[in-house]
Amino acid sequence: MRAYASLGLRGYAGIDFVLGDLRRVVDVNARPTTSIMGIARVMREELADLIMKARFGELPAEVAIGGRSCFGRRILRDDGPGALLL
């Protein structure tokens, strides 16, 4: 959250970082990233609605979370060096 706030972001953003002795932000995406798949499964609110509300400064103080989601990397098609991975 501090990286998000220090960059002045509003709304949905994907932040990739490396944890170690120092935390380092390595990439910021001001668009939905793969994590949105898991987030959408556990949030009770509609993400698209929250993204629009964030654009106009109308975010709720908190959101409802229920359940859990887990996903990982798997091979969808294996045809050699250009295999499609998720």
PDB file of N, CA and C in Angstrom:
ATOM      1  N   MET A   1       0.809  -1.181   0.000  1.00  0.00           N
ATOM      2  CA  MET A   1       0.000   0.000   0.000  1.00  0.00           C
ATOM      3  C   MET A   1       0.861   1.255   0.000  1.00  0.00           C
ATOM      4  N   ARG A   2       2.007   1.208   0.640  1.00  0.00           N
ATOM      5  CA  ARG A   2       2.862   2.403   0.640  1.00  0.00           C
ATOM      6  C   ARG A   2       3.383   2.696  -0.756  1.00  0.00           C
ATOM      7  N   ALA A   3       3.727   1.650  -1.520  1.00  0.00           N
ATOM      8  CA  ALA A   3       4.181   1.864  -2.903  1.00  0.00           C
ATOM      9  C   ALA A   3       3.062   2.475  -3.717  1.00  0.00           C
ATOM     10  N   TYR A   4       1.863   1.990  -3.540  1.00  0.00           N
ATOM     11  CA  TYR A   4       0.678   2.484  -4.244  1.00  0.00           C
ATOM     12  C   TYR A   4       0.473   3.966  -3.928  1.00  0.00           C
ATOM     13  N   ALA A   5       0.492   4.297  -2.653  1.00  0.00           N
ATOM     14  CA  ALA A   5       0.263   5.683  -2.218  1.00  0.00           C
ATOM     15  C   ALA A   5       1.393   6.604  -2.661  1.00  0.00           C
ATOM     16  N   SER A   6       2.639   6.133  -2.536  1.00  0.00           N
ATOM     17  CA  SER A   6       3.774   7.000  -2.885  1.00  0.00           C
ATOM     18  C   SER A   6       3.825   7.310  -4.374  1.00  0.00           C
ATOM     19  N   LEU A   7       3.241   6.450  -5.206  1.00  0.00           N
ATOM     20  CA  LEU A   7       3.201   6.698  -6.649  1.00  0.00           C
ATOM     21  C   LEU A   7       1.976   7.518  -7.053  1.00  0.00           C
ATOM     22  N   GLY A   8       1.112   7.823  -6.088  1.00  0.00           N
ATOM     23  CA  GLY A   8      -0.071   8.629  -6.365  1.00  0.00           C
ATOM     24  C   GLY A   8      -1.112   7.907  -7.202  1.00  0.00           C
ATOM     25  N   LEU A   9      -1.166   6.591  -7.095  1.00  0.00           N
ATOM     26  CA  LEU A   9      -2.106   5.810  -7.894  1.00  0.00           C
ATOM     27  C   LEU A   9      -3.514   5.905  -7.322  1.00  0.00           C
ATOM     28  N   ARG A  10      -4.496   5.756  -8.215  1.00  0.00           N
ATOM     29  CA  ARG A  10      -5.904   5.664  -7.827  1.00  0.00           C
ATOM     30  C   ARG A  10      -6.504   4.515  -8.600  1.00  0.00           C
ATOM     31  N   GLY A  11      -7.402   3.773  -7.965  1.00  0.00           N
ATOM     32  CA  GLY A  11      -8.041   2.668  -8.658  1.00  0.00           C
ATOM     33  C   GLY A  11      -7.176   1.427  -8.655  1.00  0.00           C
ATOM     34  N   TYR A  12      -7.445   0.550  -9.613  1.00  0.00           N
ATOM     35  CA  TYR A  12      -6.751  -0.738  -9.674  1.00  0.00           C
ATOM     36  C   TYR A  12      -5.375  -0.573 -10.303  1.00  0.00           C
ATOM     37  N   ALA A  13      -4.381  -1.168  -9.688  1.00  0.00           N
ATOM     38  CA  ALA A  13      -3.031  -1.189 -10.254  1.00  0.00           C
ATOM     39  C   ALA A  13      -2.357  -2.465  -9.796  1.00  0.00           C
ATOM     40  N   GLY A  14      -1.560  -3.055 -10.673  1.00  0.00           N
ATOM     41  CA  GLY A  14      -0.766  -4.224 -10.319  1.00  0.00           C
ATOM     42  C   GLY A  14       0.659  -3.772 -10.061  1.00  0.00           C
ATOM     43  N   ILE A  15       1.195  -4.100  -8.892  1.00  0.00           N
ATOM     44  CA  ILE A  15       2.555  -3.707  -8.539  1.00  0.00           C
ATOM     45  C   ILE A  15       3.364  -4.966  -8.290  1.00  0.00           C
ATOM     46  N   ASP A  16       4.434  -5.151  -9.063  1.00  0.00           N
ATOM     47  CA  ASP A  16       5.357  -6.262  -8.854  1.00  0.00           C
ATOM     48  C   ASP A  16       6.520  -5.738  -8.031  1.00  0.00           C
ATOM     49  N   PHE A  17       6.890  -6.512  -7.029  1.00  0.00           N
ATOM     50  CA  PHE A  17       8.007  -6.083  -6.192  1.00  0.00           C
ATOM     51  C   PHE A  17       8.823  -7.280  -5.764  1.00  0.00           C
ATOM     52  N   VAL A  18      10.040  -6.992  -5.324  1.00  0.00           N
ATOM     53  CA  VAL A  18      10.956  -8.018  -4.838  1.00  0.00           C
ATOM     54  C   VAL A  18      11.169  -7.755  -3.355  1.00  0.00           C
ATOM     55  N   LEU A  19      11.013  -8.806  -2.549  1.00  0.00           N
ATOM     56  CA  LEU A  19      11.260  -8.686  -1.118  1.00  0.00           C
ATOM     57  C   LEU A  19      12.648  -9.197  -0.804  1.00  0.00           C
ATOM     58  N   GLY A  20      13.327  -8.528   0.043  1.00  0.00           N
ATOM     59  CA  GLY A  20      14.664  -8.909   0.477  1.00  0.00           C
ATOM     60  C   GLY A  20      15.038  -7.985   1.614  1.00  0.00           C
ATOM     61  N   ASP A  21      16.331  -7.675   1.738  1.00  0.00           N
ATOM     62  CA  ASP A  21      16.740  -6.704   2.752  1.00  0.00           C
ATOM     63  C   ASP A  21      16.022  -5.377   2.528  1.00  0.00           C
ATOM     64  N   LEU A  22      15.870  -5.014   1.268  1.00  0.00           N
ATOM     65  CA  LEU A  22      15.106  -3.830   0.877  1.00  0.00           C
ATOM     66  C   LEU A  22      13.989  -4.261  -0.052  1.00  0.00           C
ATOM     67  N   ARG A  23      12.843  -3.640   0.086  1.00  0.00           N
ATOM     68  CA  ARG A  23      11.745  -3.907  -0.846  1.00  0.00           C
ATOM     69  C   ARG A  23      11.948  -3.020  -2.067  1.00  0.00           C
ATOM     70  N   ARG A  24      11.816  -3.622  -3.237  1.00  0.00           N
ATOM     71  CA  ARG A  24      12.013  -2.861  -4.471  1.00  0.00           C
ATOM     72  C   ARG A  24      10.843  -3.090  -5.414  1.00  0.00           C
ATOM     73  N   VAL A  25      10.242  -1.997  -5.880  1.00  0.00           N
ATOM     74  CA  VAL A  25       9.203  -2.072  -6.892  1.00  0.00           C
ATOM     75  C   VAL A  25       9.900  -2.239  -8.230  1.00  0.00           C
ATOM     76  N   VAL A  26       9.497  -3.258  -8.996  1.00  0.00           N
ATOM     77  CA  VAL A  26      10.132  -3.505 -10.290  1.00  0.00           C
ATOM     78  C   VAL A  26       9.216  -3.238 -11.473  1.00  0.00           C
ATOM     79  N   ASP A  27       7.899  -3.158 -11.226  1.00  0.00           N
ATOM     80  CA  ASP A  27       6.972  -2.919 -12.330  1.00  0.00           C
ATOM     81  C   ASP A  27       5.636  -2.442 -11.770  1.00  0.00           C
ATOM     82  N   VAL A  28       5.033  -1.475 -12.446  1.00  0.00           N
ATOM     83  CA  VAL A  28       3.710  -0.979 -12.070  1.00  0.00           C
ATOM     84  C   VAL A  28       2.834  -1.025 -13.308  1.00  0.00           C
ATOM     85  N   ASN A  29       1.685  -1.662 -13.189  1.00  0.00           N
ATOM     86  CA  ASN A  29       0.732  -1.743 -14.290  1.00  0.00           C
ATOM     87  C   ASN A  29      -0.568  -1.093 -13.852  1.00  0.00           C
ATOM     88  N   ALA A  30      -0.931   0.001 -14.485  1.00  0.00           N
ATOM     89  CA  ALA A  30      -2.176   0.683 -14.145  1.00  0.00           C
ATOM     90  C   ALA A  30      -3.328   0.078 -14.951  1.00  0.00           C
ATOM     91  N   ARG A  31      -3.417  -1.223 -14.866  1.00  0.00           N
ATOM     92  CA  ARG A  31      -4.445  -1.991 -15.565  1.00  0.00           C
ATOM     93  C   ARG A  31      -4.584  -3.322 -14.839  1.00  0.00           C
ATOM     94  N   PRO A  32      -5.671  -4.033 -15.064  1.00  0.00           N
ATOM     95  CA  PRO A  32      -5.808  -5.346 -14.423  1.00  0.00           C
ATOM     96  C   PRO A  32      -4.681  -6.302 -14.843  1.00  0.00           C
ATOM     97  N   THR A  33      -4.197  -7.056 -13.892  1.00  0.00           N
ATOM     98  CA  THR A  33      -3.173  -8.071 -14.129  1.00  0.00           C
ATOM     99  C   THR A  33      -3.771  -9.437 -13.822  1.00  0.00           C
ATOM    100  N   THR A  34      -2.996 -10.482 -13.921  1.00  0.00           N
ATOM    101  CA  THR A  34      -3.485 -11.841 -13.690  1.00  0.00           C
ATOM    102  C   THR A  34      -4.128 -12.000 -12.316  1.00  0.00           C
ATOM    103  N   SER A  35      -3.654 -11.256 -11.336  1.00  0.00           N
ATOM    104  CA  SER A  35      -4.210 -11.385  -9.983  1.00  0.00           C
ATOM    105  C   SER A  35      -5.694 -11.060  -9.923  1.00  0.00           C
ATOM    106  N   ILE A  36      -6.206 -10.336 -10.903  1.00  0.00           N
ATOM    107  CA  ILE A  36      -7.629  -9.976 -10.885  1.00  0.00           C
ATOM    108  C   ILE A  36      -8.526 -11.218 -10.943  1.00  0.00           C
ATOM    109  N   MET A  37      -8.012 -12.315 -11.512  1.00  0.00           N
ATOM    110  CA  MET A  37      -8.788 -13.562 -11.563  1.00  0.00           C
ATOM    111  C   MET A  37      -9.114 -14.051 -10.159  1.00  0.00           C
ATOM    112  N   GLY A  38      -8.142 -14.062  -9.287  1.00  0.00           N
ATOM    113  CA  GLY A  38      -8.352 -14.506  -7.913  1.00  0.00           C
ATOM    114  C   GLY A  38      -9.134 -13.501  -7.101  1.00  0.00           C
ATOM    115  N   ILE A  39      -8.839 -12.224  -7.300  1.00  0.00           N
ATOM    116  CA  ILE A  39      -9.534 -11.177  -6.561  1.00  0.00           C
ATOM    117  C   ILE A  39     -11.028 -11.214  -6.861  1.00  0.00           C
ATOM    118  N   ALA A  40     -11.384 -11.361  -8.127  1.00  0.00           N
ATOM    119  CA  ALA A  40     -12.791 -11.379  -8.528  1.00  0.00           C
ATOM    120  C   ALA A  40     -13.546 -12.550  -7.901  1.00  0.00           C
ATOM    121  N   ARG A  41     -12.853 -13.643  -7.624  1.00  0.00           N
ATOM    122  CA  ARG A  41     -13.514 -14.813  -7.037  1.00  0.00           C
ATOM    123  C   ARG A  41     -13.862 -14.642  -5.565  1.00  0.00           C
ATOM    124  N   VAL A  42     -13.133 -13.780  -4.855  1.00  0.00           N
ATOM    125  CA  VAL A  42     -13.364 -13.651  -3.414  1.00  0.00           C
ATOM    126  C   VAL A  42     -14.046 -12.353  -3.007  1.00  0.00           C
ATOM    127  N   MET A  43     -14.086 -11.362  -3.878  1.00  0.00           N
ATOM    128  CA  MET A  43     -14.750 -10.102  -3.537  1.00  0.00           C
ATOM    129  C   MET A  43     -16.243 -10.207  -3.804  1.00  0.00           C
ATOM    130  N   ARG A  44     -17.026  -9.637  -2.929  1.00  0.00           N
ATOM    131  CA  ARG A  44     -18.479  -9.641  -3.104  1.00  0.00           C
ATOM    132  C   ARG A  44     -18.929  -8.501  -4.011  1.00  0.00           C
ATOM    133  N   GLU A  45     -18.165  -7.410  -4.036  1.00  0.00           N
ATOM    134  CA  GLU A  45     -18.497  -6.285  -4.901  1.00  0.00           C
ATOM    135  C   GLU A  45     -18.057  -6.581  -6.330  1.00  0.00           C
ATOM    136  N   GLU A  46     -18.644  -5.871  -7.275  1.00  0.00           N
ATOM    137  CA  GLU A  46     -18.242  -5.991  -8.676  1.00  0.00           C
ATOM    138  C   GLU A  46     -16.981  -5.160  -8.901  1.00  0.00           C
ATOM    139  N   LEU A  47     -15.924  -5.789  -9.391  1.00  0.00           N
ATOM    140  CA  LEU A  47     -14.668  -5.076  -9.612  1.00  0.00           C
ATOM    141  C   LEU A  47     -14.802  -3.925 -10.598  1.00  0.00           C
ATOM    142  N   ALA A  48     -15.533  -4.133 -11.671  1.00  0.00           N
ATOM    143  CA  ALA A  48     -15.690  -3.064 -12.667  1.00  0.00           C
ATOM    144  C   ALA A  48     -16.342  -1.842 -12.030  1.00  0.00           C
ATOM    145  N   ASP A  49     -17.312  -2.066 -11.155  1.00  0.00           N
ATOM    146  CA  ASP A  49     -17.970  -0.963 -10.461  1.00  0.00           C
ATOM    147  C   ASP A  49     -16.977  -0.227  -9.565  1.00  0.00           C
ATOM    148  N   LEU A  50     -16.144  -0.974  -8.835  1.00  0.00           N
ATOM    149  CA  LEU A  50     -15.159  -0.344  -7.954  1.00  0.00           C
ATOM    150  C   LEU A  50     -14.107   0.426  -8.752  1.00  0.00           C
ATOM    151  N   ILE A  51     -13.698  -0.099  -9.904  1.00  0.00           N
ATOM    152  CA  ILE A  51     -12.726   0.596 -10.735  1.00  0.00           C
ATOM    153  C   ILE A  51     -13.305   1.929 -11.214  1.00  0.00           C
ATOM    154  N   MET A  52     -14.558   1.928 -11.625  1.00  0.00           N
ATOM    155  CA  MET A  52     -15.203   3.171 -12.060  1.00  0.00           C
ATOM    156  C   MET A  52     -15.350   4.147 -10.890  1.00  0.00           C
ATOM    157  N   LYS A  53     -15.738   3.647  -9.723  1.00  0.00           N
ATOM    158  CA  LYS A  53     -15.863   4.514  -8.551  1.00  0.00           C
ATOM    159  C   LYS A  53     -14.518   5.120  -8.171  1.00  0.00           C
ATOM    160  N   ALA A  54     -13.443   4.336  -8.281  1.00  0.00           N
ATOM    161  CA  ALA A  54     -12.105   4.843  -7.966  1.00  0.00           C
ATOM    162  C   ALA A  54     -11.734   5.986  -8.900  1.00  0.00           C
ATOM    163  N   ARG A  55     -12.124   5.869 -10.144  1.00  0.00           N
ATOM    164  CA  ARG A  55     -11.820   6.916 -11.131  1.00  0.00           C
ATOM    165  C   ARG A  55     -12.407   8.258 -10.716  1.00  0.00           C
ATOM    166  N   PHE A  56     -13.571   8.205 -10.051  1.00  0.00           N
ATOM    167  CA  PHE A  56     -14.255   9.436  -9.658  1.00  0.00           C
ATOM    168  C   PHE A  56     -14.168   9.709  -8.155  1.00  0.00           C
ATOM    169  N   GLY A  57     -13.238   9.014  -7.467  1.00  0.00           N
ATOM    170  CA  GLY A  57     -12.990   9.274  -6.053  1.00  0.00           C
ATOM    171  C   GLY A  57     -14.103   8.849  -5.121  1.00  0.00           C
ATOM    172  N   GLU A  58     -14.828   7.793  -5.463  1.00  0.00           N
ATOM    173  CA  GLU A  58     -15.979   7.361  -4.672  1.00  0.00           C
ATOM    174  C   GLU A  58     -15.811   5.958  -4.087  1.00  0.00           C
ATOM    175  N   LEU A  59     -14.600   5.535  -3.791  1.00  0.00           N
ATOM    176  CA  LEU A  59     -14.396   4.186  -3.259  1.00  0.00           C
ATOM    177  C   LEU A  59     -15.001   4.028  -1.871  1.00  0.00           C
ATOM    178  N   PRO A  60     -15.555   2.836  -1.585  1.00  0.00           N
ATOM    179  CA  PRO A  60     -16.058   2.588  -0.225  1.00  0.00           C
ATOM    180  C   PRO A  60     -14.877   2.463   0.744  1.00  0.00           C
ATOM    181  N   ALA A  61     -15.149   2.649   2.027  1.00  0.00           N
ATOM    182  CA  ALA A  61     -14.094   2.550   3.047  1.00  0.00           C
ATOM    183  C   ALA A  61     -13.525   1.144   3.120  1.00  0.00           C
ATOM    184  N   GLU A  62     -14.341   0.133   2.834  1.00  0.00           N
ATOM    185  CA  GLU A  62     -13.868  -1.253   2.831  1.00  0.00           C
ATOM    186  C   GLU A  62     -14.717  -2.087   1.888  1.00  0.00           C
ATOM    187  N   VAL A  63     -14.227  -3.272   1.565  1.00  0.00           N
ATOM    188  CA  VAL A  63     -14.949  -4.201   0.697  1.00  0.00           C
ATOM    189  C   VAL A  63     -15.106  -5.530   1.424  1.00  0.00           C
ATOM    190  N   ALA A  64     -16.070  -6.330   0.982  1.00  0.00           N
ATOM    191  CA  ALA A  64     -16.337  -7.629   1.603  1.00  0.00           C
ATOM    192  C   ALA A  64     -15.581  -8.724   0.852  1.00  0.00           C
ATOM    193  N   ILE A  65     -14.879  -9.551   1.603  1.00  0.00           N
ATOM    194  CA  ILE A  65     -14.111 -10.664   1.041  1.00  0.00           C
ATOM    195  C   ILE A  65     -14.682 -11.951   1.622  1.00  0.00           C
ATOM    196  N   GLY A  66     -14.851 -12.962   0.771  1.00  0.00           N
ATOM    197  CA  GLY A  66     -15.345 -14.242   1.247  1.00  0.00           C
ATOM    198  C   GLY A  66     -14.690 -15.380   0.493  1.00  0.00           C
ATOM    199  N   GLY A  67     -14.254 -16.381   1.201  1.00  0.00           N
ATOM    200  CA  GLY A  67     -13.639 -17.540   0.563  1.00  0.00           C
ATOM    201  C   GLY A  67     -12.175 -17.321   0.254  1.00  0.00           C
ATOM    202  N   ARG A  68     -11.672 -18.133  -0.664  1.00  0.00           N
ATOM    203  CA  ARG A  68     -10.277 -18.012  -1.068  1.00  0.00           C
ATOM    204  C   ARG A  68     -10.120 -18.473  -2.495  1.00  0.00           C
ATOM    205  N   SER A  69      -9.028 -18.097  -3.095  1.00  0.00           N
ATOM    206  CA  SER A  69      -8.758 -18.473  -4.476  1.00  0.00           C
ATOM    207  C   SER A  69      -7.272 -18.771  -4.614  1.00  0.00           C
ATOM    208  N   CYS A  70      -6.973 -19.745  -5.425  1.00  0.00           N
ATOM    209  CA  CYS A  70      -5.588 -20.123  -5.650  1.00  0.00           C
ATOM    210  C   CYS A  70      -5.432 -20.506  -7.111  1.00  0.00           C
ATOM    211  N   PHE A  71      -4.404 -19.995  -7.764  1.00  0.00           N
ATOM    212  CA  PHE A  71      -4.123 -20.397  -9.130  1.00  0.00           C
ATOM    213  C   PHE A  71      -2.625 -20.389  -9.321  1.00  0.00           C
ATOM    214  N   GLY A  72      -2.178 -21.136 -10.289  1.00  0.00           N
ATOM    215  CA  GLY A  72      -0.746 -21.245 -10.523  1.00  0.00           C
ATOM    216  C   GLY A  72      -0.433 -21.327 -11.990  1.00  0.00           C
ATOM    217  N   ARG A  73       0.794 -21.582 -12.255  1.00  0.00           N
ATOM    218  CA  ARG A  73       1.282 -21.655 -13.628  1.00  0.00           C
ATOM    219  C   ARG A  73       1.069 -23.076 -14.150  1.00  0.00           C
ATOM    220  N   ARG A  74       0.538 -23.175 -15.340  1.00  0.00           N
ATOM    221  CA  ARG A  74       0.356 -24.504 -15.940  1.00  0.00           C
ATOM    222  C   ARG A  74       0.523 -24.396 -17.450  1.00  0.00           C
ATOM    223  N   ILE A  75       0.863 -25.498 -18.042  1.00  0.00           N
ATOM    224  CA  ILE A  75       1.018 -25.529 -19.495  1.00  0.00           C
ATOM    225  C   ILE A  75      -0.340 -25.769 -20.126  1.00  0.00           C
ATOM    226  N   LEU A  76      -0.746 -24.881 -21.039  1.00  0.00           N
ATOM    227  CA  LEU A  76      -2.003 -25.059 -21.735  1.00  0.00           C
ATOM    228  C   LEU A  76      -1.809 -25.838 -23.036  1.00  0.00           C
ATOM    229  N   ARG A  77      -0.683 -25.597 -23.658  1.00  0.00           N
ATOM    230  CA  ARG A  77      -0.405 -26.287 -24.921  1.00  0.00           C
ATOM    231  C   ARG A  77       1.116 -26.483 -24.964  1.00  0.00           C
ATOM    232  N   ASP A  78       1.547 -27.679 -25.242  1.00  0.00           N
ATOM    233  CA  ASP A  78       2.977 -27.930 -25.266  1.00  0.00           C
ATOM    234  C   ASP A  78       3.383 -28.356 -26.673  1.00  0.00           C
ATOM    235  N   ASP A  79       3.848 -27.390 -27.460  1.00  0.00           N
ATOM    236  CA  ASP A  79       4.383 -27.767 -28.753  1.00  0.00           C
ATOM    237  C   ASP A  79       5.785 -27.225 -28.933  1.00  0.00           C
ATOM    238  N   GLY A  80       6.603 -27.498 -27.973  1.00  0.00           N
ATOM    239  CA  GLY A  80       8.006 -27.128 -28.089  1.00  0.00           C
ATOM    240  C   GLY A  80       8.336 -25.785 -27.474  1.00  0.00           C
ATOM    241  N   PRO A  81       9.377 -25.145 -28.013  1.00  0.00           N
ATOM    242  CA  PRO A  81       9.902 -23.917 -27.420  1.00  0.00           C
ATOM    243  C   PRO A  81       8.867 -22.802 -27.286  1.00  0.00           C
ATOM    244  N   GLY A  82       7.845 -22.759 -28.142  1.00  0.00           N
ATOM    245  CA  GLY A  82       6.845 -21.703 -28.074  1.00  0.00           C
ATOM    246  C   GLY A  82       5.610 -22.098 -27.290  1.00  0.00           C
ATOM    247  N   ALA A  83       5.741 -23.015 -26.340  1.00  0.00           N
ATOM    248  CA  ALA A  83       4.598 -23.489 -25.576  1.00  0.00           C
ATOM    249  C   ALA A  83       3.882 -22.327 -24.917  1.00  0.00           C
ATOM    250  N   LEU A  84       2.557 -22.367 -24.930  1.00  0.00           N
ATOM    251  CA  LEU A  84       1.737 -21.348 -24.305  1.00  0.00           C
ATOM    252  C   LEU A  84       1.629 -21.629 -22.823  1.00  0.00           C
ATOM    253  N   LEU A  85       2.097 -20.710 -22.006  1.00  0.00           N
ATOM    254  CA  LEU A  85       2.072 -20.897 -20.550  1.00  0.00           C
ATOM    255  C   LEU A  85       1.196 -19.847 -19.920  1.00  0.00           C
ATOM    256  N   LEU A  86       0.569 -20.226 -18.839  1.00  0.00           N
ATOM    257  CA  LEU A  86      -0.197 -19.272 -18.020  1.00  0.00           C
ATOM    258  C   LEU A  86       0.364 -19.274 -16.635  1.00  0.00           C
TER     259      LEU A  86
END
